[in-house]
Amino acid sequence: MAVMRAEAESGRPVVDAETARRRAEPARATQRAPARGAGERGDAPAQQLESARDQLIALIPAEAVALFILLIGLMANEAVGWRLGALGVVAVFAVAWTVLSYWEARGGRKGALVPAFEILVGLIAFLAWSTSVPASPFDDLDLPTFVGPAIVAVVSTSLVFVARVRSLWAK
């Protein structure tokens, strides 16, 4: 009864010393030899899904979308022209952010080209994500609610495909 009361008061399960010791020990996984001829094929689907998920996450222009949400929140009751202006300003910001991030990853601007492909992908991704933001200029088109997320899904999937084709083509 005291254990149940202590668990209720602390919100955490109370365990005895033996249980605590067993939980602290790392689990011992049984070692199995890979199936004959399996090689990497056994983990390939999981790795591909993880890779696709990472690529989708990488294609979210988080800084630009966050800035756009902030500006749209401030201008939600304004005319569509103001909201289109915010879209344009943030689109320019997205391009600049992409270029700066690219140069930073390359160790500076010296000798680095303007990343045209990355700029295009970043801009398209931002415009796609902006369709899913409530009170954006796209709301004035009176489209069903699912259209914005559907655009994000289709464009993101397409961009992942194009990025993978580009990386394979470069090899």
N, C-alpha and C. Protein backbone atom coordinates (compact mmCIF):
# COMPACT_ATOMS: atom_id res chain seq x y z
N MET A 1 0.82 -1.18 0.00
CA MET A 1 0.00 0.00 0.00
C MET A 1 0.87 1.26 0.00
N ALA A 2 1.97 1.22 0.78
CA ALA A 2 2.87 2.36 0.84
C ALA A 2 3.54 2.60 -0.50
N VAL A 3 3.84 1.51 -1.22
CA VAL A 3 4.45 1.65 -2.53
C VAL A 3 3.49 2.33 -3.49
N MET A 4 2.23 1.92 -3.46
CA MET A 4 1.24 2.53 -4.36
C MET A 4 1.06 4.00 -4.04
N ARG A 5 1.05 4.36 -2.75
CA ARG A 5 0.89 5.76 -2.36
C ARG A 5 2.12 6.56 -2.81
N ALA A 6 3.33 6.00 -2.65
CA ALA A 6 4.55 6.69 -3.07
C ALA A 6 4.57 6.87 -4.59
N GLU A 7 4.09 5.85 -5.32
CA GLU A 7 4.02 5.99 -6.77
C GLU A 7 3.03 7.07 -7.17
N ALA A 8 1.89 7.11 -6.48
CA ALA A 8 0.88 8.11 -6.81
C ALA A 8 1.38 9.52 -6.51
N GLU A 9 2.09 9.67 -5.40
CA GLU A 9 2.58 11.01 -5.02
C GLU A 9 3.71 11.48 -5.93
N SER A 10 4.61 10.57 -6.30
CA SER A 10 5.76 10.98 -7.10
C SER A 10 5.47 10.96 -8.59
N GLY A 11 4.46 10.19 -9.02
CA GLY A 11 4.17 10.09 -10.44
C GLY A 11 5.09 9.12 -11.15
N ARG A 12 6.01 8.49 -10.42
CA ARG A 12 6.94 7.54 -11.00
C ARG A 12 6.80 6.21 -10.28
N PRO A 13 7.04 5.11 -10.98
CA PRO A 13 6.96 3.82 -10.32
C PRO A 13 8.09 3.65 -9.31
N VAL A 14 7.76 3.08 -8.17
CA VAL A 14 8.75 2.80 -7.14
C VAL A 14 9.14 1.34 -7.30
N VAL A 15 10.45 1.07 -7.34
CA VAL A 15 10.93 -0.29 -7.54
C VAL A 15 11.90 -0.66 -6.44
N ASP A 16 12.07 -1.95 -6.25
CA ASP A 16 13.02 -2.41 -5.25
C ASP A 16 14.43 -2.36 -5.82
N ALA A 17 15.42 -2.64 -4.99
CA ALA A 17 16.82 -2.53 -5.38
C ALA A 17 17.18 -3.49 -6.51
N GLU A 18 16.64 -4.73 -6.46
CA GLU A 18 16.94 -5.72 -7.49
C GLU A 18 16.43 -5.27 -8.86
N THR A 19 15.20 -4.76 -8.91
CA THR A 19 14.63 -4.29 -10.17
C THR A 19 15.41 -3.09 -10.70
N ALA A 20 15.80 -2.18 -9.82
CA ALA A 20 16.58 -1.01 -10.24
C ALA A 20 17.92 -1.44 -10.82
N ARG A 21 18.57 -2.46 -10.20
CA ARG A 21 19.86 -2.94 -10.69
C ARG A 21 19.71 -3.55 -12.07
N ARG A 22 18.64 -4.35 -12.28
CA ARG A 22 18.43 -4.98 -13.59
C ARG A 22 18.14 -3.94 -14.66
N ARG A 23 17.42 -2.89 -14.32
CA ARG A 23 17.12 -1.84 -15.31
C ARG A 23 18.37 -1.05 -15.67
N ALA A 24 19.29 -0.92 -14.72
CA ALA A 24 20.50 -0.15 -14.97
C ALA A 24 21.48 -0.90 -15.85
N GLU A 25 21.43 -2.23 -15.84
CA GLU A 25 22.33 -3.02 -16.68
C GLU A 25 21.89 -2.92 -18.13
N PRO A 26 22.85 -2.81 -19.05
CA PRO A 26 22.46 -2.78 -20.46
C PRO A 26 21.91 -4.14 -20.88
N ALA A 27 20.94 -4.12 -21.72
CA ALA A 27 20.34 -5.36 -22.20
C ALA A 27 21.36 -6.11 -23.04
N ARG A 28 21.39 -7.40 -22.86
CA ARG A 28 22.32 -8.22 -23.64
C ARG A 28 21.59 -8.79 -24.83
N ALA A 29 21.90 -8.26 -25.96
CA ALA A 29 21.26 -8.75 -27.19
C ALA A 29 22.00 -10.00 -27.66
N THR A 30 21.24 -10.93 -28.14
CA THR A 30 21.87 -12.13 -28.67
C THR A 30 22.46 -11.80 -30.03
N GLN A 31 23.66 -12.26 -30.25
CA GLN A 31 24.35 -12.02 -31.51
C GLN A 31 23.98 -13.12 -32.49
N ARG A 32 23.48 -12.72 -33.64
CA ARG A 32 23.18 -13.70 -34.69
C ARG A 32 23.99 -13.36 -35.91
N ALA A 33 24.38 -14.37 -36.57
CA ALA A 33 25.11 -14.16 -37.83
C ALA A 33 24.11 -13.72 -38.88
N PRO A 34 24.52 -12.83 -39.79
CA PRO A 34 23.59 -12.42 -40.83
C PRO A 34 23.21 -13.60 -41.70
N ALA A 35 22.01 -13.54 -42.22
CA ALA A 35 21.54 -14.60 -43.09
C ALA A 35 22.45 -14.69 -44.30
N ARG A 36 22.60 -15.87 -44.79
CA ARG A 36 23.51 -16.08 -45.90
C ARG A 36 23.03 -15.31 -47.13
N GLY A 37 23.91 -14.47 -47.65
CA GLY A 37 23.59 -13.70 -48.84
C GLY A 37 22.75 -12.47 -48.56
N ALA A 38 22.44 -12.20 -47.30
CA ALA A 38 21.58 -11.06 -47.00
C ALA A 38 22.33 -9.75 -47.14
N GLY A 39 23.55 -9.71 -46.63
CA GLY A 39 24.34 -8.50 -46.72
C GLY A 39 23.58 -7.32 -46.15
N GLU A 40 23.46 -6.26 -46.92
CA GLU A 40 22.76 -5.08 -46.48
C GLU A 40 21.27 -5.13 -46.83
N ARG A 41 20.88 -6.13 -47.59
CA ARG A 41 19.50 -6.17 -48.04
C ARG A 41 18.51 -6.25 -46.88
N GLY A 42 18.89 -6.86 -45.76
CA GLY A 42 17.98 -7.00 -44.64
C GLY A 42 17.57 -5.66 -44.06
N ASP A 43 18.47 -4.68 -44.03
CA ASP A 43 18.16 -3.38 -43.45
C ASP A 43 17.83 -2.34 -44.51
N ALA A 44 17.89 -2.68 -45.77
CA ALA A 44 17.72 -1.70 -46.83
C ALA A 44 16.39 -0.94 -46.76
N PRO A 45 15.24 -1.60 -46.59
CA PRO A 45 14.00 -0.83 -46.54
C PRO A 45 13.97 0.16 -45.38
N ALA A 46 14.44 -0.26 -44.21
CA ALA A 46 14.46 0.64 -43.07
C ALA A 46 15.41 1.81 -43.31
N GLN A 47 16.57 1.52 -43.89
CA GLN A 47 17.53 2.58 -44.19
C GLN A 47 16.99 3.53 -45.24
N GLN A 48 16.29 3.00 -46.23
CA GLN A 48 15.73 3.86 -47.27
C GLN A 48 14.64 4.76 -46.69
N LEU A 49 13.79 4.22 -45.82
CA LEU A 49 12.75 5.04 -45.20
C LEU A 49 13.37 6.12 -44.33
N GLU A 50 14.40 5.77 -43.58
CA GLU A 50 15.07 6.75 -42.74
C GLU A 50 15.73 7.82 -43.59
N SER A 51 16.36 7.41 -44.70
CA SER A 51 17.00 8.35 -45.59
C SER A 51 15.97 9.29 -46.23
N ALA A 52 14.84 8.74 -46.66
CA ALA A 52 13.79 9.56 -47.25
C ALA A 52 13.23 10.54 -46.23
N ARG A 53 13.06 10.06 -44.98
CA ARG A 53 12.56 10.94 -43.93
C ARG A 53 13.55 12.07 -43.67
N ASP A 54 14.84 11.74 -43.60
CA ASP A 54 15.85 12.77 -43.38
C ASP A 54 15.88 13.78 -44.51
N GLN A 55 15.71 13.30 -45.74
CA GLN A 55 15.69 14.22 -46.88
C GLN A 55 14.46 15.14 -46.83
N LEU A 56 13.32 14.58 -46.45
CA LEU A 56 12.12 15.42 -46.33
C LEU A 56 12.31 16.48 -45.25
N ILE A 57 12.89 16.09 -44.13
CA ILE A 57 13.12 17.04 -43.05
C ILE A 57 14.11 18.11 -43.51
N ALA A 58 15.13 17.70 -44.24
CA ALA A 58 16.13 18.66 -44.72
C ALA A 58 15.53 19.65 -45.71
N LEU A 59 14.47 19.25 -46.39
CA LEU A 59 13.86 20.14 -47.37
C LEU A 59 12.88 21.13 -46.77
N ILE A 60 12.63 21.04 -45.47
CA ILE A 60 11.75 22.01 -44.83
C ILE A 60 12.56 23.28 -44.57
N PRO A 61 12.21 24.37 -45.23
CA PRO A 61 12.93 25.62 -44.98
C PRO A 61 12.43 26.25 -43.68
N ALA A 62 12.88 25.70 -42.55
CA ALA A 62 12.32 26.04 -41.24
C ALA A 62 12.41 27.53 -40.92
N GLU A 63 13.55 28.15 -41.20
CA GLU A 63 13.71 29.57 -40.87
C GLU A 63 12.74 30.42 -41.67
N ALA A 64 12.62 30.14 -42.95
CA ALA A 64 11.72 30.92 -43.80
C ALA A 64 10.26 30.69 -43.41
N VAL A 65 9.88 29.45 -43.14
CA VAL A 65 8.50 29.16 -42.76
C VAL A 65 8.18 29.83 -41.42
N ALA A 66 9.12 29.79 -40.48
CA ALA A 66 8.89 30.44 -39.18
C ALA A 66 8.71 31.95 -39.34
N LEU A 67 9.55 32.57 -40.15
CA LEU A 67 9.42 34.00 -40.40
C LEU A 67 8.10 34.31 -41.09
N PHE A 68 7.71 33.48 -42.04
CA PHE A 68 6.45 33.68 -42.75
C PHE A 68 5.26 33.56 -41.80
N ILE A 69 5.30 32.57 -40.92
CA ILE A 69 4.21 32.41 -39.94
C ILE A 69 4.13 33.64 -39.04
N LEU A 70 5.28 34.15 -38.62
CA LEU A 70 5.30 35.36 -37.79
C LEU A 70 4.67 36.54 -38.53
N LEU A 71 5.11 36.78 -39.77
CA LEU A 71 4.58 37.91 -40.53
C LEU A 71 3.10 37.75 -40.85
N ILE A 72 2.68 36.54 -41.19
CA ILE A 72 1.26 36.32 -41.48
C ILE A 72 0.43 36.51 -40.22
N GLY A 73 0.97 36.08 -39.08
CA GLY A 73 0.27 36.30 -37.82
C GLY A 73 0.08 37.78 -37.53
N LEU A 74 1.08 38.58 -37.87
CA LEU A 74 0.97 40.03 -37.67
C LEU A 74 0.04 40.68 -38.69
N MET A 75 -0.09 40.10 -39.88
CA MET A 75 -0.86 40.71 -40.96
C MET A 75 -2.13 39.94 -41.31
N ALA A 76 -2.59 39.09 -40.43
CA ALA A 76 -3.73 38.23 -40.76
C ALA A 76 -4.97 39.02 -41.14
N ASN A 77 -5.17 40.17 -40.56
CA ASN A 77 -6.36 40.96 -40.85
C ASN A 77 -6.15 42.02 -41.93
N GLU A 78 -4.97 42.02 -42.50
CA GLU A 78 -4.66 43.00 -43.55
C GLU A 78 -5.12 42.50 -44.91
N ALA A 79 -5.08 43.40 -45.87
CA ALA A 79 -5.47 43.05 -47.24
C ALA A 79 -4.49 42.02 -47.80
N VAL A 80 -4.95 41.32 -48.84
CA VAL A 80 -4.14 40.27 -49.44
C VAL A 80 -2.82 40.81 -50.00
N GLY A 81 -2.79 42.05 -50.40
CA GLY A 81 -1.56 42.65 -50.92
C GLY A 81 -0.44 42.66 -49.89
N TRP A 82 -0.77 42.96 -48.65
CA TRP A 82 0.23 42.94 -47.59
C TRP A 82 0.76 41.53 -47.36
N ARG A 83 -0.14 40.57 -47.40
CA ARG A 83 0.27 39.18 -47.18
C ARG A 83 1.09 38.65 -48.36
N LEU A 84 0.76 39.09 -49.58
CA LEU A 84 1.59 38.75 -50.74
C LEU A 84 2.98 39.39 -50.62
N GLY A 85 3.01 40.61 -50.10
CA GLY A 85 4.29 41.27 -49.85
C GLY A 85 5.13 40.50 -48.86
N ALA A 86 4.50 40.02 -47.80
CA ALA A 86 5.21 39.20 -46.81
C ALA A 86 5.74 37.92 -47.47
N LEU A 87 4.94 37.32 -48.33
CA LEU A 87 5.38 36.12 -49.05
C LEU A 87 6.61 36.42 -49.89
N GLY A 88 6.60 37.55 -50.60
CA GLY A 88 7.74 37.94 -51.43
C GLY A 88 8.98 38.23 -50.62
N VAL A 89 8.82 38.95 -49.51
CA VAL A 89 9.97 39.28 -48.65
C VAL A 89 10.60 38.01 -48.10
N VAL A 90 9.75 37.09 -47.64
CA VAL A 90 10.28 35.86 -47.06
C VAL A 90 10.87 34.97 -48.15
N ALA A 91 10.35 35.01 -49.36
CA ALA A 91 10.94 34.24 -50.46
C ALA A 91 12.36 34.73 -50.74
N VAL A 92 12.56 36.05 -50.73
CA VAL A 92 13.90 36.61 -50.91
C VAL A 92 14.80 36.18 -49.74
N PHE A 93 14.24 36.21 -48.53
CA PHE A 93 14.99 35.76 -47.35
C PHE A 93 15.38 34.29 -47.50
N ALA A 94 14.47 33.46 -48.00
CA ALA A 94 14.74 32.03 -48.17
C ALA A 94 15.90 31.81 -49.14
N VAL A 95 15.92 32.57 -50.21
CA VAL A 95 17.02 32.46 -51.19
C VAL A 95 18.33 32.88 -50.54
N ALA A 96 18.31 34.02 -49.85
CA ALA A 96 19.54 34.50 -49.20
C ALA A 96 20.02 33.51 -48.14
N TRP A 97 19.09 32.97 -47.36
CA TRP A 97 19.45 32.00 -46.32
C TRP A 97 20.06 30.75 -46.93
N THR A 98 19.51 30.30 -48.04
CA THR A 98 20.04 29.12 -48.72
C THR A 98 21.47 29.37 -49.19
N VAL A 99 21.71 30.51 -49.80
CA VAL A 99 23.06 30.83 -50.29
C VAL A 99 24.04 30.92 -49.13
N LEU A 100 23.66 31.62 -48.06
CA LEU A 100 24.56 31.75 -46.92
C LEU A 100 24.84 30.41 -46.26
N SER A 101 23.83 29.59 -46.12
CA SER A 101 24.01 28.26 -45.52
C SER A 101 24.92 27.40 -46.39
N TYR A 102 24.75 27.50 -47.70
CA TYR A 102 25.59 26.74 -48.63
C TYR A 102 27.05 27.18 -48.51
N TRP A 103 27.27 28.49 -48.51
CA TRP A 103 28.63 29.00 -48.40
C TRP A 103 29.24 28.64 -47.04
N GLU A 104 28.44 28.70 -46.00
CA GLU A 104 28.93 28.35 -44.67
C GLU A 104 29.37 26.88 -44.62
N ALA A 105 28.58 26.01 -45.23
CA ALA A 105 28.92 24.59 -45.26
C ALA A 105 30.18 24.34 -46.08
N ARG A 106 30.46 25.18 -47.06
CA ARG A 106 31.64 25.03 -47.92
C ARG A 106 32.87 25.71 -47.33
N GLY A 107 32.71 26.36 -46.18
CA GLY A 107 33.86 26.99 -45.55
C GLY A 107 34.11 28.41 -46.02
N GLY A 108 33.14 29.03 -46.59
CA GLY A 108 33.28 30.42 -47.03
C GLY A 108 32.86 30.61 -48.47
N ARG A 109 32.81 31.87 -48.86
CA ARG A 109 32.34 32.21 -50.20
C ARG A 109 33.43 32.07 -51.25
N LYS A 110 34.67 32.18 -50.84
CA LYS A 110 35.78 32.18 -51.79
C LYS A 110 35.81 30.87 -52.58
N GLY A 111 35.69 30.99 -53.87
CA GLY A 111 35.75 29.83 -54.74
C GLY A 111 34.45 29.05 -54.86
N ALA A 112 33.46 29.41 -54.05
CA ALA A 112 32.19 28.69 -54.10
C ALA A 112 31.26 29.35 -55.11
N LEU A 113 30.60 28.53 -55.87
CA LEU A 113 29.66 29.04 -56.85
C LEU A 113 28.32 29.33 -56.17
N VAL A 114 27.48 30.05 -56.87
CA VAL A 114 26.12 30.27 -56.38
C VAL A 114 25.37 28.95 -56.57
N PRO A 115 24.79 28.42 -55.50
CA PRO A 115 24.15 27.11 -55.56
C PRO A 115 22.76 27.17 -56.21
N ALA A 116 22.71 27.18 -57.52
CA ALA A 116 21.44 27.36 -58.23
C ALA A 116 20.43 26.27 -57.91
N PHE A 117 20.86 25.02 -57.89
CA PHE A 117 19.94 23.92 -57.61
C PHE A 117 19.38 24.04 -56.20
N GLU A 118 20.24 24.32 -55.22
CA GLU A 118 19.79 24.45 -53.83
C GLU A 118 18.85 25.64 -53.65
N ILE A 119 19.14 26.74 -54.37
CA ILE A 119 18.26 27.90 -54.30
C ILE A 119 16.88 27.55 -54.84
N LEU A 120 16.85 26.88 -55.97
CA LEU A 120 15.58 26.49 -56.58
C LEU A 120 14.80 25.55 -55.67
N VAL A 121 15.47 24.56 -55.11
CA VAL A 121 14.81 23.62 -54.21
C VAL A 121 14.30 24.34 -52.97
N GLY A 122 15.12 25.21 -52.37
CA GLY A 122 14.70 25.95 -51.18
C GLY A 122 13.51 26.85 -51.44
N LEU A 123 13.52 27.53 -52.58
CA LEU A 123 12.42 28.42 -52.92
C LEU A 123 11.13 27.65 -53.18
N ILE A 124 11.22 26.58 -53.94
CA ILE A 124 10.04 25.75 -54.21
C ILE A 124 9.50 25.16 -52.92
N ALA A 125 10.40 24.66 -52.06
CA ALA A 125 9.95 24.08 -50.79
C ALA A 125 9.26 25.14 -49.93
N PHE A 126 9.82 26.36 -49.86
CA PHE A 126 9.18 27.41 -49.08
C PHE A 126 7.80 27.75 -49.64
N LEU A 127 7.70 27.92 -50.95
CA LEU A 127 6.40 28.26 -51.53
C LEU A 127 5.38 27.15 -51.30
N ALA A 128 5.83 25.90 -51.36
CA ALA A 128 4.91 24.79 -51.08
C ALA A 128 4.45 24.84 -49.63
N TRP A 129 5.38 25.02 -48.70
CA TRP A 129 5.01 25.06 -47.29
C TRP A 129 4.14 26.26 -46.97
N SER A 130 4.33 27.35 -47.68
CA SER A 130 3.53 28.55 -47.39
C SER A 130 2.06 28.35 -47.74
N THR A 131 1.76 27.38 -48.60
CA THR A 131 0.35 27.13 -48.93
C THR A 131 -0.40 26.49 -47.77
N SER A 132 0.32 25.91 -46.82
CA SER A 132 -0.35 25.23 -45.71
C SER A 132 -0.51 26.13 -44.48
N VAL A 133 -0.03 27.38 -44.55
CA VAL A 133 -0.13 28.30 -43.41
C VAL A 133 -1.49 28.99 -43.44
N PRO A 134 -2.25 28.91 -42.35
CA PRO A 134 -3.54 29.61 -42.31
C PRO A 134 -3.36 31.12 -42.46
N ALA A 135 -4.31 31.76 -43.11
CA ALA A 135 -4.34 33.20 -43.35
C ALA A 135 -3.29 33.66 -44.35
N SER A 136 -2.66 32.72 -45.06
CA SER A 136 -1.69 33.10 -46.08
C SER A 136 -2.47 33.64 -47.29
N PRO A 137 -1.79 34.24 -48.24
CA PRO A 137 -2.49 34.74 -49.42
C PRO A 137 -3.25 33.65 -50.18
N PHE A 138 -2.86 32.40 -50.00
CA PHE A 138 -3.52 31.30 -50.70
C PHE A 138 -4.90 31.02 -50.13
N ASP A 139 -5.17 31.47 -48.90
CA ASP A 139 -6.50 31.28 -48.32
C ASP A 139 -7.57 32.04 -49.10
N ASP A 140 -7.18 33.13 -49.74
CA ASP A 140 -8.16 33.92 -50.49
C ASP A 140 -8.61 33.23 -51.77
N LEU A 141 -7.99 32.11 -52.12
CA LEU A 141 -8.42 31.35 -53.30
C LEU A 141 -9.61 30.46 -52.99
N ASP A 142 -10.00 30.39 -51.71
CA ASP A 142 -11.14 29.59 -51.26
C ASP A 142 -11.05 28.12 -51.68
N LEU A 143 -9.86 27.55 -51.58
CA LEU A 143 -9.67 26.13 -51.88
C LEU A 143 -9.98 25.32 -50.63
N PRO A 144 -10.31 24.05 -50.78
CA PRO A 144 -10.53 23.21 -49.60
C PRO A 144 -9.28 23.16 -48.72
N THR A 145 -9.47 22.91 -47.44
CA THR A 145 -8.38 22.93 -46.47
C THR A 145 -7.28 21.94 -46.78
N PHE A 146 -7.61 20.80 -47.36
CA PHE A 146 -6.61 19.77 -47.60
C PHE A 146 -5.64 20.11 -48.73
N VAL A 147 -5.92 21.12 -49.51
CA VAL A 147 -5.10 21.43 -50.68
C VAL A 147 -3.68 21.85 -50.28
N GLY A 148 -3.54 22.69 -49.27
CA GLY A 148 -2.21 23.12 -48.83
C GLY A 148 -1.32 21.97 -48.41
N PRO A 149 -1.78 21.13 -47.46
CA PRO A 149 -0.95 19.97 -47.10
C PRO A 149 -0.72 19.00 -48.27
N ALA A 150 -1.69 18.88 -49.16
CA ALA A 150 -1.50 18.01 -50.33
C ALA A 150 -0.40 18.56 -51.22
N ILE A 151 -0.37 19.87 -51.39
CA ILE A 151 0.70 20.50 -52.18
C ILE A 151 2.05 20.24 -51.52
N VAL A 152 2.11 20.39 -50.20
CA VAL A 152 3.35 20.13 -49.47
C VAL A 152 3.81 18.68 -49.69
N ALA A 153 2.89 17.73 -49.59
CA ALA A 153 3.24 16.32 -49.74
C ALA A 153 3.76 16.02 -51.15
N VAL A 154 3.05 16.51 -52.16
CA VAL A 154 3.45 16.24 -53.54
C VAL A 154 4.78 16.92 -53.88
N VAL A 155 4.92 18.17 -53.50
CA VAL A 155 6.14 18.90 -53.82
C VAL A 155 7.33 18.33 -53.05
N SER A 156 7.14 18.02 -51.78
CA SER A 156 8.25 17.46 -50.99
C SER A 156 8.71 16.12 -51.55
N THR A 157 7.76 15.28 -51.89
CA THR A 157 8.11 13.98 -52.47
C THR A 157 8.83 14.17 -53.80
N SER A 158 8.34 15.08 -54.60
CA SER A 158 8.98 15.36 -55.89
C SER A 158 10.40 15.90 -55.71
N LEU A 159 10.58 16.77 -54.74
CA LEU A 159 11.91 17.34 -54.50
C LEU A 159 12.89 16.28 -54.00
N VAL A 160 12.41 15.36 -53.17
CA VAL A 160 13.27 14.27 -52.72
C VAL A 160 13.69 13.43 -53.92
N PHE A 161 12.75 13.13 -54.78
CA PHE A 161 13.04 12.34 -55.98
C PHE A 161 14.07 13.06 -56.86
N VAL A 162 13.85 14.35 -57.11
CA VAL A 162 14.76 15.12 -57.96
C VAL A 162 16.15 15.20 -57.33
N ALA A 163 16.21 15.40 -56.01
CA ALA A 163 17.51 15.46 -55.34
C ALA A 163 18.25 14.13 -55.43
N ARG A 164 17.52 13.03 -55.30
CA ARG A 164 18.16 11.72 -55.41
C ARG A 164 18.65 11.46 -56.83
N VAL A 165 17.84 11.83 -57.83
CA VAL A 165 18.27 11.67 -59.22
C VAL A 165 19.50 12.52 -59.50
N ARG A 166 19.50 13.74 -58.99
CA ARG A 166 20.65 14.63 -59.19
C ARG A 166 21.91 14.06 -58.56
N SER A 167 21.80 13.52 -57.32
CA SER A 167 22.98 12.97 -56.67
C SER A 167 23.48 11.72 -57.39
N LEU A 168 22.58 10.90 -57.91
CA LEU A 168 23.00 9.72 -58.66
C LEU A 168 23.60 10.11 -60.00
N TRP A 169 23.06 11.13 -60.63
CA TRP A 169 23.55 11.59 -61.92
C TRP A 169 24.97 12.14 -61.81
N ALA A 170 25.26 12.75 -60.64
CA ALA A 170 26.58 13.36 -60.44
C ALA A 170 27.67 12.32 -60.20
N LYS A 171 27.30 11.08 -59.88
CA LYS A 171 28.30 10.05 -59.58
C LYS A 171 28.91 9.49 -60.83
